[in-house]
Amino acid sequence: MQESPFYAKVRQGLPALIDQWRRLGQGDPQRLALILAETARVAKLGEPEATPSAEELAAWSRAEAAEQVPLWAAKTATFLLVQMPARPTPENFDEACAWAYCWLRNRDFADFDAALAALPAHLQAPLAQALKAAWTDRQGLRLI
């Protein structure tokens, strides 16, 4: 199966998403890895086989790790970033694509407008274009 150009952007943006969560998270690196894994399990965003080490988490935040970032980790980082009082936003379009992809994977929405409206207000403008691309990609995949 050939990857869509949108999904390639998602994969490229996943390390930046993980890195932003690591930078904004509070606690030592091993504690952040534990928080990520436990949140994934509790919030039913994925089932990590094991809690990653601080070194694994750091490795996932490097650009060359784009294909190694587990989806559960990205979905959970998005879940946590969206709720942060610091109101973080993606730092580039690839990262915005990763946020948007994970946003749609974390919840079910009836349509694009519902997905956009459910975002916190501070993310609606920064994610609008990427979310539209994510929605279009998701709808296209449903036709297969």
Protein backbone atom coordinates (compact mmCIF):
# COMPACT_ATOMS: atom_id res chain seq x y z
CA MET A 1 0.00 0.00 0.00
CA GLN A 2 1.43 3.36 -1.02
CA GLU A 3 1.57 6.09 1.63
CA SER A 4 -0.33 9.26 0.88
CA PRO A 5 1.70 12.48 0.74
CA PHE A 6 -0.26 13.64 3.78
CA TYR A 7 0.76 10.60 5.83
CA ALA A 8 4.40 11.21 4.88
CA LYS A 9 4.05 14.70 6.39
CA VAL A 10 2.50 13.14 9.52
CA ARG A 11 5.45 10.77 9.91
CA GLN A 12 7.89 13.66 9.46
CA GLY A 13 6.05 15.70 12.10
CA LEU A 14 5.80 12.99 14.77
CA PRO A 15 9.29 13.53 16.24
CA ALA A 16 8.61 17.28 16.65
CA LEU A 17 5.32 16.50 18.37
CA ILE A 18 7.08 14.14 20.82
CA ASP A 19 9.88 16.66 21.31
CA GLN A 20 7.48 19.49 22.11
CA TRP A 21 5.74 17.34 24.70
CA ARG A 22 9.11 16.38 26.23
CA ARG A 23 10.20 20.02 26.40
CA LEU A 24 6.95 21.25 27.96
CA GLY A 25 6.38 18.27 30.24
CA GLN A 26 7.39 18.59 33.83
CA GLY A 27 9.59 15.98 35.44
CA ASP A 28 12.66 13.98 34.71
CA PRO A 29 12.84 12.15 31.38
CA GLN A 30 12.08 8.70 32.81
CA ARG A 31 9.01 10.06 34.60
CA LEU A 32 7.81 11.65 31.34
CA ALA A 33 8.17 8.28 29.59
CA LEU A 34 6.13 6.66 32.37
CA ILE A 35 3.45 9.38 32.16
CA LEU A 36 3.21 8.89 28.40
CA ALA A 37 2.81 5.11 28.64
CA GLU A 38 0.40 5.16 31.58
CA THR A 39 -1.74 7.88 30.01
CA ALA A 40 -1.94 5.82 26.82
CA ARG A 41 -3.18 2.84 28.79
CA VAL A 42 -5.63 4.71 31.03
CA ALA A 43 -7.06 6.93 28.27
CA LYS A 44 -7.23 3.92 25.91
CA LEU A 45 -5.06 5.61 23.29
CA GLY A 46 -2.90 2.57 22.80
CA GLU A 47 -1.31 -0.38 24.52
CA PRO A 48 2.42 0.08 24.78
CA GLU A 49 4.15 -3.29 25.15
CA ALA A 50 6.40 -1.72 27.77
CA THR A 51 7.07 1.67 29.27
CA PRO A 52 9.71 3.32 27.11
CA SER A 53 12.98 4.39 28.63
CA ALA A 54 14.03 8.02 28.81
CA GLU A 55 16.51 7.23 26.04
CA GLU A 56 13.78 5.82 23.77
CA LEU A 57 11.63 8.89 24.34
CA ALA A 58 14.58 11.13 23.49
CA ALA A 59 15.31 9.07 20.37
CA TRP A 60 11.70 9.41 19.19
CA SER A 61 12.05 13.19 19.32
CA ARG A 62 14.85 13.25 16.74
CA ALA A 63 13.90 13.91 13.10
CA GLU A 64 15.60 10.75 11.84
CA ALA A 65 13.23 8.67 14.02
CA ALA A 66 10.15 9.61 11.99
CA GLU A 67 9.39 5.99 11.08
CA GLN A 68 10.08 4.65 14.59
CA VAL A 69 7.67 6.78 16.63
CA PRO A 70 4.87 4.48 17.81
CA LEU A 71 1.40 5.77 17.06
CA TRP A 72 0.30 5.28 20.68
CA ALA A 73 3.06 7.68 21.81
CA ALA A 74 2.11 10.34 19.28
CA LYS A 75 -1.61 10.04 20.02
CA THR A 76 -0.90 10.33 23.74
CA ALA A 77 1.46 13.28 23.35
CA THR A 78 -1.25 15.06 21.32
CA PHE A 79 -3.83 14.23 24.00
CA LEU A 80 -1.55 15.75 26.67
CA LEU A 81 -0.44 18.79 24.65
CA VAL A 82 -4.01 19.79 23.81
CA GLN A 83 -4.79 19.94 27.53
CA MET A 84 -1.71 21.89 28.65
CA PRO A 85 -2.33 25.28 30.26
CA ALA A 86 0.71 26.59 28.35
CA ARG A 87 -1.44 26.37 25.19
CA PRO A 88 1.26 24.98 22.89
CA THR A 89 0.80 24.99 19.13
CA PRO A 90 2.63 23.12 16.36
CA GLU A 91 5.85 24.77 15.25
CA ASN A 92 5.65 23.85 11.53
CA PHE A 93 3.25 22.33 9.01
CA ASP A 94 4.55 18.76 9.30
CA GLU A 95 4.10 18.90 13.06
CA ALA A 96 0.61 20.38 12.55
CA CYS A 97 -0.19 17.41 10.28
CA ALA A 98 0.93 15.04 13.05
CA TRP A 99 -1.24 16.85 15.62
CA ALA A 100 -4.24 16.84 13.26
CA TYR A 101 -3.83 13.16 12.35
CA CYS A 102 -3.63 12.18 16.02
CA TRP A 103 -6.57 14.44 16.91
CA LEU A 104 -8.75 12.54 14.43
CA ARG A 105 -7.41 9.18 15.61
CA ASN A 106 -8.12 10.01 19.27
CA ARG A 107 -11.82 10.81 18.85
CA ASP A 108 -14.72 10.17 16.48
CA PHE A 109 -16.24 13.14 14.69
CA ALA A 110 -19.29 13.30 12.47
CA ASP A 111 -17.69 15.77 10.08
CA PHE A 112 -14.79 18.16 9.60
CA ASP A 113 -16.60 21.11 11.22
CA ALA A 114 -17.22 19.06 14.37
CA ALA A 115 -13.55 18.05 14.52
CA LEU A 116 -12.42 21.65 14.14
CA ALA A 117 -14.94 22.99 16.66
CA ALA A 118 -13.88 20.41 19.26
CA LEU A 119 -10.31 21.72 19.25
CA PRO A 120 -9.43 24.22 21.97
CA ALA A 121 -9.81 27.77 20.62
CA HIS A 122 -6.06 28.42 20.57
CA LEU A 123 -5.55 25.46 18.20
CA GLN A 124 -8.36 26.07 15.73
CA ALA A 125 -6.48 28.50 13.48
CA PRO A 126 -3.03 26.84 13.71
CA LEU A 127 -4.49 23.40 12.90
CA ALA A 128 -7.24 24.34 10.41
CA GLN A 129 -5.28 23.64 7.21
CA ALA A 130 -3.64 20.47 8.55
CA LEU A 131 -6.92 19.23 9.99
CA LYS A 132 -8.62 19.71 6.62
CA ALA A 133 -5.84 17.67 4.98
CA ALA A 134 -6.16 15.00 7.70
CA TRP A 135 -9.92 14.84 7.26
CA THR A 136 -9.60 14.54 3.47
CA ASP A 137 -6.97 11.83 3.84
CA ARG A 138 -9.09 9.91 6.35
CA GLN A 139 -12.17 10.09 4.16
CA GLY A 140 -10.15 8.93 1.15
CA LEU A 141 -8.87 5.91 3.04
CA ARG A 142 -12.40 4.91 3.99
CA LEU A 143 -13.17 4.46 0.30
CA ILE A 144 -10.58 1.70 -0.08
